[in-house]
PDB file of N, CA and C in Angstrom:
ATOM      1  N   MET A   1      12.009   3.660  -5.008  1.00  0.00           N
ATOM      2  CA  MET A   1      11.102   2.605  -5.650  1.00  0.00           C
ATOM      3  C   MET A   1      11.393   2.466  -7.090  1.00  0.00           C
ATOM      4  N   LYS A   2      11.439   1.184  -7.472  1.00  0.00           N
ATOM      5  CA  LYS A   2      11.559   0.776  -8.775  1.00  0.00           C
ATOM      6  C   LYS A   2      10.210   1.100  -9.623  1.00  0.00           C
ATOM      7  N   GLN A   3      10.408   1.861 -10.799  1.00  0.00           N
ATOM      8  CA  GLN A   3       9.079   2.256 -11.433  1.00  0.00           C
ATOM      9  C   GLN A   3       8.825   1.361 -12.670  1.00  0.00           C
ATOM     10  N   ASN A   4       9.864   0.755 -13.358  1.00  0.00           N
ATOM     11  CA  ASN A   4       9.663  -0.087 -14.481  1.00  0.00           C
ATOM     12  C   ASN A   4      10.763  -1.192 -14.610  1.00  0.00           C
ATOM     13  N   ILE A   5      10.362  -2.160 -15.469  1.00  0.00           N
ATOM     14  CA  ILE A   5      11.425  -3.187 -15.619  1.00  0.00           C
ATOM     15  C   ILE A   5      12.617  -2.733 -16.378  1.00  0.00           C
ATOM     16  N   THR A   6      13.689  -3.504 -16.113  1.00  0.00           N
ATOM     17  CA  THR A   6      15.005  -3.089 -16.738  1.00  0.00           C
ATOM     18  C   THR A   6      15.272  -4.063 -17.812  1.00  0.00           C
ATOM     19  N   THR A   7      16.477  -3.727 -18.508  1.00  0.00           N
ATOM     20  CA  THR A   7      16.997  -4.623 -19.452  1.00  0.00           C
ATOM     21  C   THR A   7      17.105  -5.982 -18.975  1.00  0.00           C
ATOM     22  N   TYR A   8      17.702  -6.085 -17.743  1.00  0.00           N
ATOM     23  CA  TYR A   8      17.873  -7.351 -17.059  1.00  0.00           C
ATOM     24  C   TYR A   8      16.614  -8.218 -17.018  1.00  0.00           C
ATOM     25  N   ASP A   9      15.637  -7.566 -16.374  1.00  0.00           N
ATOM     26  CA  ASP A   9      14.276  -8.176 -16.487  1.00  0.00           C
ATOM     27  C   ASP A   9      13.855  -8.822 -17.685  1.00  0.00           C
ATOM     28  N   LEU A  10      13.986  -7.969 -18.742  1.00  0.00           N
ATOM     29  CA  LEU A  10      13.536  -8.364 -20.135  1.00  0.00           C
ATOM     30  C   LEU A  10      14.259  -9.616 -20.641  1.00  0.00           C
ATOM     31  N   ASP A  11      15.534  -9.863 -20.146  1.00  0.00           N
ATOM     32  CA  ASP A  11      16.370 -10.928 -20.563  1.00  0.00           C
ATOM     33  C   ASP A  11      15.915 -12.274 -19.864  1.00  0.00           C
ATOM     34  N   THR A  12      15.160 -12.043 -18.820  1.00  0.00           N
ATOM     35  CA  THR A  12      14.449 -13.100 -18.062  1.00  0.00           C
ATOM     36  C   THR A  12      13.231 -13.755 -18.825  1.00  0.00           C
ATOM     37  N   LEU A  13      12.830 -13.003 -19.743  1.00  0.00           N
ATOM     38  CA  LEU A  13      11.585 -13.413 -20.535  1.00  0.00           C
ATOM     39  C   LEU A  13      12.150 -14.358 -21.685  1.00  0.00           C
ATOM     40  N   PRO A  14      11.589 -15.573 -21.855  1.00  0.00           N
ATOM     41  CA  PRO A  14      11.929 -16.477 -22.856  1.00  0.00           C
ATOM     42  C   PRO A  14      11.721 -15.943 -24.251  1.00  0.00           C
ATOM     43  N   SER A  15      12.661 -16.187 -25.249  1.00  0.00           N
ATOM     44  CA  SER A  15      12.356 -15.715 -26.540  1.00  0.00           C
ATOM     45  C   SER A  15      11.364 -16.370 -27.225  1.00  0.00           C
ATOM     46  N   GLY A  16      10.812 -16.021 -28.368  1.00  0.00           N
ATOM     47  CA  GLY A  16       9.756 -16.802 -29.041  1.00  0.00           C
ATOM     48  C   GLY A  16       8.507 -16.183 -28.709  1.00  0.00           C
ATOM     49  N   THR A  17       7.461 -17.061 -28.541  1.00  0.00           N
ATOM     50  CA  THR A  17       6.072 -16.677 -28.358  1.00  0.00           C
ATOM     51  C   THR A  17       5.857 -15.503 -27.316  1.00  0.00           C
ATOM     52  N   PRO A  18       6.384 -15.709 -26.068  1.00  0.00           N
ATOM     53  CA  PRO A  18       6.206 -14.799 -24.885  1.00  0.00           C
ATOM     54  C   PRO A  18       6.716 -13.497 -25.338  1.00  0.00           C
ATOM     55  N   PHE A  19       8.033 -13.392 -25.734  1.00  0.00           N
ATOM     56  CA  PHE A  19       8.441 -12.068 -26.174  1.00  0.00           C
ATOM     57  C   PHE A  19       7.649 -11.383 -27.357  1.00  0.00           C
ATOM     58  N   LYS A  20       7.232 -12.232 -28.269  1.00  0.00           N
ATOM     59  CA  LYS A  20       6.375 -11.771 -29.363  1.00  0.00           C
ATOM     60  C   LYS A  20       5.017 -11.064 -28.930  1.00  0.00           C
ATOM     61  N   LYS A  21       4.436 -11.922 -27.990  1.00  0.00           N
ATOM     62  CA  LYS A  21       3.216 -11.387 -27.363  1.00  0.00           C
ATOM     63  C   LYS A  21       3.230 -10.134 -26.821  1.00  0.00           C
ATOM     64  N   LEU A  22       4.339  -9.898 -25.959  1.00  0.00           N
ATOM     65  CA  LEU A  22       4.623  -8.698 -25.359  1.00  0.00           C
ATOM     66  C   LEU A  22       5.048  -7.538 -26.362  1.00  0.00           C
ATOM     67  N   SER A  23       5.741  -7.691 -27.333  1.00  0.00           N
ATOM     68  CA  SER A  23       6.174  -6.666 -28.118  1.00  0.00           C
ATOM     69  C   SER A  23       4.978  -6.484 -29.110  1.00  0.00           C
ATOM     70  N   ASP A  24       4.149  -7.283 -29.414  1.00  0.00           N
ATOM     71  CA  ASP A  24       2.957  -7.200 -30.236  1.00  0.00           C
ATOM     72  C   ASP A  24       1.991  -6.124 -29.455  1.00  0.00           C
ATOM     73  N   TRP A  25       1.813  -6.495 -28.093  1.00  0.00           N
ATOM     74  CA  TRP A  25       1.027  -5.676 -27.304  1.00  0.00           C
ATOM     75  C   TRP A  25       1.552  -4.213 -27.170  1.00  0.00           C
ATOM     76  N   CYS A  26       2.823  -4.028 -26.877  1.00  0.00           N
ATOM     77  CA  CYS A  26       3.417  -2.715 -26.903  1.00  0.00           C
ATOM     78  C   CYS A  26       3.221  -1.936 -28.098  1.00  0.00           C
ATOM     79  N   GLU A  27       3.308  -2.835 -29.369  1.00  0.00           N
ATOM     80  CA  GLU A  27       3.185  -1.874 -30.585  1.00  0.00           C
ATOM     81  C   GLU A  27       1.848  -1.612 -30.798  1.00  0.00           C
ATOM     82  N   GLU A  28       0.823  -2.344 -30.357  1.00  0.00           N
ATOM     83  CA  GLU A  28      -0.579  -2.000 -30.457  1.00  0.00           C
ATOM     84  C   GLU A  28      -0.932  -0.917 -29.638  1.00  0.00           C
ATOM     85  N   LYS A  29      -0.296  -0.709 -28.453  1.00  0.00           N
ATOM     86  CA  LYS A  29      -0.486   0.377 -27.563  1.00  0.00           C
ATOM     87  C   LYS A  29       0.268   1.638 -27.951  1.00  0.00           C
ATOM     88  N   GLU A  30       1.097   1.468 -29.043  1.00  0.00           N
ATOM     89  CA  GLU A  30       2.005   2.428 -29.408  1.00  0.00           C
ATOM     90  C   GLU A  30       2.901   2.838 -28.140  1.00  0.00           C
ATOM     91  N   TYR A  31       3.427   1.946 -27.489  1.00  0.00           N
ATOM     92  CA  TYR A  31       4.475   2.077 -26.576  1.00  0.00           C
ATOM     93  C   TYR A  31       5.724   1.794 -27.461  1.00  0.00           C
ATOM     94  N   THR A  32       6.693   2.727 -27.210  1.00  0.00           N
ATOM     95  CA  THR A  32       8.028   2.501 -28.036  1.00  0.00           C
ATOM     96  C   THR A  32       9.083   1.856 -27.293  1.00  0.00           C
ATOM     97  N   ASP A  33       8.759   1.330 -25.995  1.00  0.00           N
ATOM     98  CA  ASP A  33       9.831   0.835 -25.205  1.00  0.00           C
ATOM     99  C   ASP A  33       9.215  -0.429 -24.552  1.00  0.00           C
ATOM    100  N   LEU A  34      10.007  -1.594 -24.541  1.00  0.00           N
ATOM    101  CA  LEU A  34       9.401  -2.645 -23.546  1.00  0.00           C
ATOM    102  C   LEU A  34       9.710  -2.582 -22.194  1.00  0.00           C
ATOM    103  N   HIS A  35      10.443  -1.572 -21.723  1.00  0.00           N
ATOM    104  CA  HIS A  35      10.551  -1.350 -20.304  1.00  0.00           C
ATOM    105  C   HIS A  35       9.397  -0.855 -19.635  1.00  0.00           C
ATOM    106  N   LEU A  36       8.429  -1.779 -19.350  1.00  0.00           N
ATOM    107  CA  LEU A  36       7.060  -1.403 -18.833  1.00  0.00           C
ATOM    108  C   LEU A  36       7.164  -0.835 -17.385  1.00  0.00           C
ATOM    109  N   SER A  37       6.281   0.028 -17.310  1.00  0.00           N
ATOM    110  CA  SER A  37       5.969   0.733 -15.961  1.00  0.00           C
ATOM    111  C   SER A  37       5.051  -0.039 -15.097  1.00  0.00           C
ATOM    112  N   ILE A  38       4.927   0.173 -13.891  1.00  0.00           N
ATOM    113  CA  ILE A  38       3.997  -0.532 -13.144  1.00  0.00           C
ATOM    114  C   ILE A  38       2.813  -0.322 -13.587  1.00  0.00           C
ATOM    115  N   GLY A  39       2.075   0.849 -13.827  1.00  0.00           N
ATOM    116  CA  GLY A  39       0.985   1.154 -14.453  1.00  0.00           C
ATOM    117  C   GLY A  39       0.705   0.244 -15.906  1.00  0.00           C
ATOM    118  N   GLN A  40       1.705   0.229 -16.754  1.00  0.00           N
ATOM    119  CA  GLN A  40       1.602  -0.497 -17.955  1.00  0.00           C
ATOM    120  C   GLN A  40       1.434  -2.040 -17.806  1.00  0.00           C
ATOM    121  N   MET A  41       2.056  -2.528 -16.804  1.00  0.00           N
ATOM    122  CA  MET A  41       1.964  -3.946 -16.372  1.00  0.00           C
ATOM    123  C   MET A  41       0.594  -4.230 -15.948  1.00  0.00           C
ATOM    124  N   ILE A  42       0.004  -3.475 -15.045  1.00  0.00           N
ATOM    125  CA  ILE A  42      -1.363  -3.509 -14.620  1.00  0.00           C
ATOM    126  C   ILE A  42      -2.183  -3.452 -15.947  1.00  0.00           C
ATOM    127  N   GLU A  43      -1.930  -2.510 -16.729  1.00  0.00           N
ATOM    128  CA  GLU A  43      -2.818  -2.334 -17.969  1.00  0.00           C
ATOM    129  C   GLU A  43      -2.799  -3.734 -18.623  1.00  0.00           C
ATOM    130  N   PHE A  44      -1.590  -4.298 -18.906  1.00  0.00           N
ATOM    131  CA  PHE A  44      -1.370  -5.439 -19.568  1.00  0.00           C
ATOM    132  C   PHE A  44      -2.078  -6.621 -18.945  1.00  0.00           C
ATOM    133  N   LEU A  45      -2.056  -6.838 -17.673  1.00  0.00           N
ATOM    134  CA  LEU A  45      -2.832  -7.858 -17.049  1.00  0.00           C
ATOM    135  C   LEU A  45      -4.319  -7.815 -17.149  1.00  0.00           C
ATOM    136  N   HIS A  46      -4.806  -6.633 -17.292  1.00  0.00           N
ATOM    137  CA  HIS A  46      -6.194  -6.518 -17.508  1.00  0.00           C
ATOM    138  C   HIS A  46      -6.599  -6.884 -18.938  1.00  0.00           C
ATOM    139  N   GLN A  47      -5.648  -7.170 -19.922  1.00  0.00           N
ATOM    140  CA  GLN A  47      -5.942  -7.340 -21.392  1.00  0.00           C
ATOM    141  C   GLN A  47      -6.355  -8.901 -21.529  1.00  0.00           C
ATOM    142  N   TRP A  48      -6.295  -9.791 -20.544  1.00  0.00           N
ATOM    143  CA  TRP A  48      -6.485 -11.077 -20.720  1.00  0.00           C
ATOM    144  C   TRP A  48      -7.600 -11.596 -19.932  1.00  0.00           C
ATOM    145  N   PRO A  49      -8.887 -11.001 -20.132  1.00  0.00           N
ATOM    146  CA  PRO A  49      -9.976 -11.457 -19.350  1.00  0.00           C
ATOM    147  C   PRO A  49     -10.358 -12.967 -19.587  1.00  0.00           C
ATOM    148  N   ASP A  50     -10.058 -13.428 -20.594  1.00  0.00           N
ATOM    149  CA  ASP A  50     -10.535 -14.762 -21.082  1.00  0.00           C
ATOM    150  C   ASP A  50      -9.683 -15.739 -20.497  1.00  0.00           C
ATOM    151  N   ARG A  51      -8.500 -15.435 -19.915  1.00  0.00           N
ATOM    152  CA  ARG A  51      -7.527 -16.357 -19.253  1.00  0.00           C
ATOM    153  C   ARG A  51      -7.173 -16.013 -17.873  1.00  0.00           C
ATOM    154  N   PHE A  52      -7.332 -14.912 -17.578  1.00  0.00           N
ATOM    155  CA  PHE A  52      -6.788 -14.550 -16.304  1.00  0.00           C
ATOM    156  C   PHE A  52      -7.453 -13.207 -15.764  1.00  0.00           C
ATOM    157  N   SER A  53      -7.895 -13.330 -14.572  1.00  0.00           N
ATOM    158  CA  SER A  53      -8.501 -12.194 -13.752  1.00  0.00           C
ATOM    159  C   SER A  53      -7.529 -11.654 -12.915  1.00  0.00           C
ATOM    160  N   PHE A  54      -7.235 -10.352 -12.824  1.00  0.00           N
ATOM    161  CA  PHE A  54      -6.170  -9.735 -11.936  1.00  0.00           C
ATOM    162  C   PHE A  54      -6.976  -9.420 -10.742  1.00  0.00           C
ATOM    163  N   GLY A  55      -6.445  -9.747  -9.592  1.00  0.00           N
ATOM    164  CA  GLY A  55      -7.293  -9.578  -8.349  1.00  0.00           C
ATOM    165  C   GLY A  55      -6.624  -8.226  -7.720  1.00  0.00           C
ATOM    166  N   SER A  56      -5.636  -8.462  -6.954  1.00  0.00           N
ATOM    167  CA  SER A  56      -5.120  -7.166  -6.181  1.00  0.00           C
ATOM    168  C   SER A  56      -3.637  -7.459  -5.930  1.00  0.00           C
ATOM    169  N   PHE A  57      -3.064  -6.474  -5.320  1.00  0.00           N
ATOM    170  CA  PHE A  57      -1.646  -6.633  -4.850  1.00  0.00           C
ATOM    171  C   PHE A  57      -1.564  -6.029  -3.614  1.00  0.00           C
ATOM    172  N   SER A  58      -0.791  -6.557  -2.545  1.00  0.00           N
ATOM    173  CA  SER A  58      -0.514  -6.050  -1.258  1.00  0.00           C
ATOM    174  C   SER A  58       0.858  -6.519  -0.550  1.00  0.00           C
ATOM    175  N   TRP A  59       1.196  -5.669   0.380  1.00  0.00           N
ATOM    176  CA  TRP A  59       2.510  -6.128   1.032  1.00  0.00           C
ATOM    177  C   TRP A  59       2.237  -7.036   2.115  1.00  0.00           C
ATOM    178  N   LYS A  60       2.742  -8.184   2.208  1.00  0.00           N
ATOM    179  CA  LYS A  60       2.483  -9.325   3.100  1.00  0.00           C
ATOM    180  C   LYS A  60       3.637 -10.070   3.550  1.00  0.00           C
ATOM    181  N   ASP A  61       3.391 -10.867   4.714  1.00  0.00           N
ATOM    182  CA  ASP A  61       4.491 -11.592   5.211  1.00  0.00           C
ATOM    183  C   ASP A  61       4.664 -12.877   4.341  1.00  0.00           C
ATOM    184  N   THR A  62       5.848 -13.147   3.825  1.00  0.00           N
ATOM    185  CA  THR A  62       5.956 -14.202   2.991  1.00  0.00           C
ATOM    186  C   THR A  62       6.894 -15.188   3.657  1.00  0.00           C
ATOM    187  N   LYS A  63       7.215 -16.146   2.873  1.00  0.00           N
ATOM    188  CA  LYS A  63       8.084 -17.412   3.403  1.00  0.00           C
ATOM    189  C   LYS A  63       9.442 -16.699   4.033  1.00  0.00           C
ATOM    190  N   SER A  64       9.982 -15.798   3.262  1.00  0.00           N
ATOM    191  CA  SER A  64      11.322 -15.264   3.702  1.00  0.00           C
ATOM    192  C   SER A  64      11.339 -13.882   4.199  1.00  0.00           C
ATOM    193  N   GLY A  65      10.043 -13.324   4.711  1.00  0.00           N
ATOM    194  CA  GLY A  65      10.011 -12.000   5.271  1.00  0.00           C
ATOM    195  C   GLY A  65       8.866 -11.231   4.442  1.00  0.00           C
ATOM    196  N   TYR A  66       8.919 -10.043   4.452  1.00  0.00           N
ATOM    197  CA  TYR A  66       7.847  -9.286   3.753  1.00  0.00           C
ATOM    198  C   TYR A  66       8.147  -9.322   2.298  1.00  0.00           C
ATOM    199  N   GLY A  67       7.071  -9.303   1.352  1.00  0.00           N
ATOM    200  CA  GLY A  67       7.217  -9.065   0.096  1.00  0.00           C
ATOM    201  C   GLY A  67       5.862  -8.727  -0.542  1.00  0.00           C
ATOM    202  N   TRP A  68       5.806  -8.553  -1.890  1.00  0.00           N
ATOM    203  CA  TRP A  68       4.620  -8.136  -2.507  1.00  0.00           C
ATOM    204  C   TRP A  68       3.933  -9.428  -2.920  1.00  0.00           C
ATOM    205  N   CYS A  69       2.651  -9.482  -2.749  1.00  0.00           N
ATOM    206  CA  CYS A  69       1.743 -10.587  -3.206  1.00  0.00           C
ATOM    207  C   CYS A  69       0.778  -9.977  -4.366  1.00  0.00           C
ATOM    208  N   VAL A  70       0.846 -10.811  -5.338  1.00  0.00           N
ATOM    209  CA  VAL A  70      -0.041 -10.416  -6.550  1.00  0.00           C
ATOM    210  C   VAL A  70      -1.133 -11.553  -6.599  1.00  0.00           C
ATOM    211  N   GLU A  71      -2.437 -11.096  -6.270  1.00  0.00           N
ATOM    212  CA  GLU A  71      -3.534 -11.987  -6.284  1.00  0.00           C
ATOM    213  C   GLU A  71      -3.960 -12.205  -7.712  1.00  0.00           C
ATOM    214  N   GLU A  72      -4.062 -13.377  -8.086  1.00  0.00           N
ATOM    215  CA  GLU A  72      -4.623 -13.679  -9.598  1.00  0.00           C
ATOM    216  C   GLU A  72      -5.542 -14.840  -9.534  1.00  0.00           C
ATOM    217  N   TYR A  73      -6.458 -14.714 -10.409  1.00  0.00           N
ATOM    218  CA  TYR A  73      -7.479 -15.852 -10.537  1.00  0.00           C
ATOM    219  C   TYR A  73      -7.457 -16.256 -12.061  1.00  0.00           C
ATOM    220  N   TRP A  74      -7.274 -17.676 -12.186  1.00  0.00           N
ATOM    221  CA  TRP A  74      -7.256 -18.156 -13.526  1.00  0.00           C
ATOM    222  C   TRP A  74      -8.605 -18.506 -13.871  1.00  0.00           C
ATOM    223  N   THR A  75      -8.829 -18.307 -15.046  1.00  0.00           N
ATOM    224  CA  THR A  75     -10.281 -18.649 -15.624  1.00  0.00           C
ATOM    225  C   THR A  75     -10.390 -20.164 -15.842  1.00  0.00           C
ATOM    226  N   LYS A  76     -11.553 -20.609 -16.225  1.00  0.00           N
ATOM    227  CA  LYS A  76     -11.796 -22.006 -16.709  1.00  0.00           C
ATOM    228  C   LYS A  76     -10.748 -22.507 -17.725  1.00  0.00           C
ATOM    229  N   ASP A  77     -10.530 -21.531 -18.623  1.00  0.00           N
ATOM    230  CA  ASP A  77      -9.625 -22.022 -19.833  1.00  0.00           C
ATOM    231  C   ASP A  77      -8.196 -22.293 -19.382  1.00  0.00           C
ATOM    232  N   ASN A  78      -7.829 -21.880 -18.116  1.00  0.00           N
ATOM    233  CA  ASN A  78      -6.480 -21.996 -17.682  1.00  0.00           C
ATOM    234  C   ASN A  78      -6.685 -23.053 -16.524  1.00  0.00           C
ATOM    235  N   GLY A  79      -7.714 -23.876 -16.314  1.00  0.00           N
ATOM    236  CA  GLY A  79      -7.772 -24.747 -15.420  1.00  0.00           C
ATOM    237  C   GLY A  79      -8.320 -24.295 -14.028  1.00  0.00           C
ATOM    238  N   GLY A  80      -8.924 -23.148 -13.847  1.00  0.00           N
ATOM    239  CA  GLY A  80      -9.618 -22.627 -12.716  1.00  0.00           C
ATOM    240  C   GLY A  80     -10.987 -22.321 -12.869  1.00  0.00           C
ATOM    241  N   GLU A  81     -11.689 -22.039 -11.973  1.00  0.00           N
ATOM    242  CA  GLU A  81     -13.029 -21.675 -12.129  1.00  0.00           C
ATOM    243  C   GLU A  81     -13.146 -20.003 -11.946  1.00  0.00           C
ATOM    244  N   PRO A  82     -13.762 -19.378 -13.062  1.00  0.00           N
ATOM    245  CA  PRO A  82     -13.800 -17.862 -12.954  1.00  0.00           C
ATOM    246  C   PRO A  82     -14.342 -17.471 -11.546  1.00  0.00           C
ATOM    247  N   GLY A  83     -13.679 -16.522 -10.919  1.00  0.00           N
ATOM    248  CA  GLY A  83     -13.979 -15.964  -9.567  1.00  0.00           C
ATOM    249  C   GLY A  83     -14.031 -16.947  -8.355  1.00  0.00           C
ATOM    250  N   LYS A  84     -13.615 -18.190  -8.567  1.00  0.00           N
ATOM    251  CA  LYS A  84     -13.500 -19.085  -7.368  1.00  0.00           C
ATOM    252  C   LYS A  84     -12.062 -19.531  -7.289  1.00  0.00           C
ATOM    253  N   GLY A  85     -11.796 -19.990  -6.010  1.00  0.00           N
ATOM    254  CA  GLY A  85     -10.423 -20.539  -5.781  1.00  0.00           C
ATOM    255  C   GLY A  85      -9.337 -19.522  -6.191  1.00  0.00           C
ATOM    256  N   GLY A  86      -8.867 -19.635  -7.268  1.00  0.00           N
ATOM    257  CA  GLY A  86      -7.890 -18.692  -7.850  1.00  0.00           C
ATOM    258  C   GLY A  86      -6.422 -19.130  -7.258  1.00  0.00           C
ATOM    259  N   VAL A  87      -5.431 -18.421  -7.641  1.00  0.00           N
ATOM    260  CA  VAL A  87      -4.134 -18.654  -7.174  1.00  0.00           C
ATOM    261  C   VAL A  87      -3.613 -17.290  -6.637  1.00  0.00           C
ATOM    262  N   LYS A  88      -2.945 -17.382  -5.510  1.00  0.00           N
ATOM    263  CA  LYS A  88      -2.340 -16.256  -4.854  1.00  0.00           C
ATOM    264  C   LYS A  88      -0.851 -16.341  -5.159  1.00  0.00           C
ATOM    265  N   GLN A  89      -0.240 -15.545  -5.764  1.00  0.00           N
ATOM    266  CA  GLN A  89       1.218 -15.828  -6.009  1.00  0.00           C
ATOM    267  C   GLN A  89       1.881 -14.609  -5.205  1.00  0.00           C
ATOM    268  N   CYS A  90       2.493 -15.035  -4.175  1.00  0.00           N
ATOM    269  CA  CYS A  90       3.419 -14.209  -3.346  1.00  0.00           C
ATOM    270  C   CYS A  90       4.746 -14.262  -3.716  1.00  0.00           C
ATOM    271  N   GLU A  91       5.377 -13.202  -4.064  1.00  0.00           N
ATOM    272  CA  GLU A  91       6.765 -13.073  -4.596  1.00  0.00           C
ATOM    273  C   GLU A  91       7.491 -12.451  -3.413  1.00  0.00           C
ATOM    274  N   ASP A  92       8.672 -12.977  -3.085  1.00  0.00           N
ATOM    275  CA  ASP A  92       9.460 -12.430  -2.084  1.00  0.00           C
ATOM    276  C   ASP A  92      10.249 -11.139  -2.842  1.00  0.00           C
ATOM    277  N   ALA A  93       9.504 -10.322  -3.244  1.00  0.00           N
ATOM    278  CA  ALA A  93       9.950  -9.187  -3.957  1.00  0.00           C
ATOM    279  C   ALA A  93       9.884  -7.855  -3.060  1.00  0.00           C
ATOM    280  N   GLU A  94      10.817  -7.169  -2.841  1.00  0.00           N
ATOM    281  CA  GLU A  94      10.727  -5.947  -2.132  1.00  0.00           C
ATOM    282  C   GLU A  94      10.086  -4.831  -3.101  1.00  0.00           C
ATOM    283  N   GLU A  95      10.100  -4.990  -4.263  1.00  0.00           N
ATOM    284  CA  GLU A  95       9.440  -3.986  -5.243  1.00  0.00           C
ATOM    285  C   GLU A  95       8.322  -4.629  -5.773  1.00  0.00           C
ATOM    286  N   LEU A  96       7.144  -3.775  -5.853  1.00  0.00           N
ATOM    287  CA  LEU A  96       5.923  -4.065  -6.523  1.00  0.00           C
ATOM    288  C   LEU A  96       6.232  -4.403  -8.017  1.00  0.00           C
ATOM    289  N   CYS A  97       7.186  -3.535  -8.577  1.00  0.00           N
ATOM    290  CA  CYS A  97       7.439  -3.770  -9.949  1.00  0.00           C
ATOM    291  C   CYS A  97       7.844  -5.126 -10.370  1.00  0.00           C
ATOM    292  N   ASP A  98       8.647  -5.808  -9.485  1.00  0.00           N
ATOM    293  CA  ASP A  98       9.301  -7.055  -9.507  1.00  0.00           C
ATOM    294  C   ASP A  98       8.263  -8.159  -9.497  1.00  0.00           C
ATOM    295  N   ALA A  99       7.299  -7.894  -8.562  1.00  0.00           N
ATOM    296  CA  ALA A  99       6.222  -8.964  -8.344  1.00  0.00           C
ATOM    297  C   ALA A  99       5.197  -8.911  -9.477  1.00  0.00           C
ATOM    298  N   LEU A 100       5.007  -7.720 -10.019  1.00  0.00           N
ATOM    299  CA  LEU A 100       3.966  -7.553 -11.200  1.00  0.00           C
ATOM    300  C   LEU A 100       4.651  -8.194 -12.466  1.00  0.00           C
ATOM    301  N   TRP A 101       5.972  -8.016 -12.609  1.00  0.00           N
ATOM    302  CA  TRP A 101       6.852  -8.843 -13.734  1.00  0.00           C
ATOM    303  C   TRP A 101       6.677 -10.191 -13.849  1.00  0.00           C
ATOM    304  N   GLU A 102       6.793 -10.718 -12.536  1.00  0.00           N
ATOM    305  CA  GLU A 102       6.640 -12.261 -12.483  1.00  0.00           C
ATOM    306  C   GLU A 102       5.289 -12.551 -12.781  1.00  0.00           C
ATOM    307  N   THR A 103       4.372 -11.880 -12.582  1.00  0.00           N
ATOM    308  CA  THR A 103       2.942 -12.235 -12.965  1.00  0.00           C
ATOM    309  C   THR A 103       2.686 -12.106 -14.491  1.00  0.00           C
ATOM    310  N   VAL A 104       3.351 -11.034 -15.034  1.00  0.00           N
ATOM    311  CA  VAL A 104       3.404 -10.896 -16.434  1.00  0.00           C
ATOM    312  C   VAL A 104       3.948 -11.919 -17.212  1.00  0.00           C
ATOM    313  N   LYS A 105       5.198 -12.512 -16.748  1.00  0.00           N
ATOM    314  CA  LYS A 105       5.683 -13.457 -17.367  1.00  0.00           C
ATOM    315  C   LYS A 105       4.896 -14.864 -17.324  1.00  0.00           C
ATOM    316  N   GLU A 106       4.253 -14.937 -16.133  1.00  0.00           N
ATOM    317  CA  GLU A 106       3.350 -16.120 -16.046  1.00  0.00           C
ATOM    318  C   GLU A 106       2.288 -16.173 -16.939  1.00  0.00           C
ATOM    319  N   VAL A 107       1.719 -15.014 -17.140  1.00  0.00           N
ATOM    320  CA  VAL A 107       0.568 -14.865 -18.253  1.00  0.00           C
ATOM    321  C   VAL A 107       0.982 -15.068 -19.627  1.00  0.00           C
ATOM    322  N   LEU A 108       2.191 -14.676 -19.881  1.00  0.00           N
ATOM    323  CA  LEU A 108       2.829 -14.816 -21.272  1.00  0.00           C
ATOM    324  C   LEU A 108       3.192 -16.256 -21.536  1.00  0.00           C
ATOM    325  N   LYS A 109       3.182 -17.148 -20.725  1.00  0.00           N
ATOM    326  CA  LYS A 109       3.493 -18.560 -20.959  1.00  0.00           C
ATOM    327  C   LYS A 109       2.326 -19.134 -21.908  1.00  0.00           C
TER     328      LYS A 109
END
């Protein structure tokens, strides 16, 4: 089971503001490496309560088979109503780490 993001995963993050937000957060938390673990990504997602409410994650049937689903709820500031509706992002990811990374990248936009 993949436990943290790789250098390849980091290369999929756009340079500029998203990268700076992530590196600033890691520096604030005194993490010396940007290769976040599953726990660190969950911690990161909980840092944005004004924009994003992290729901849950589970193994589900997706369009192309089974994969990880990360349930996310966007707040009013991001076009949603807090606690209502929400967006369920199902990744065709065999690894929880990869599904969480896709959610982290979405929040960093």
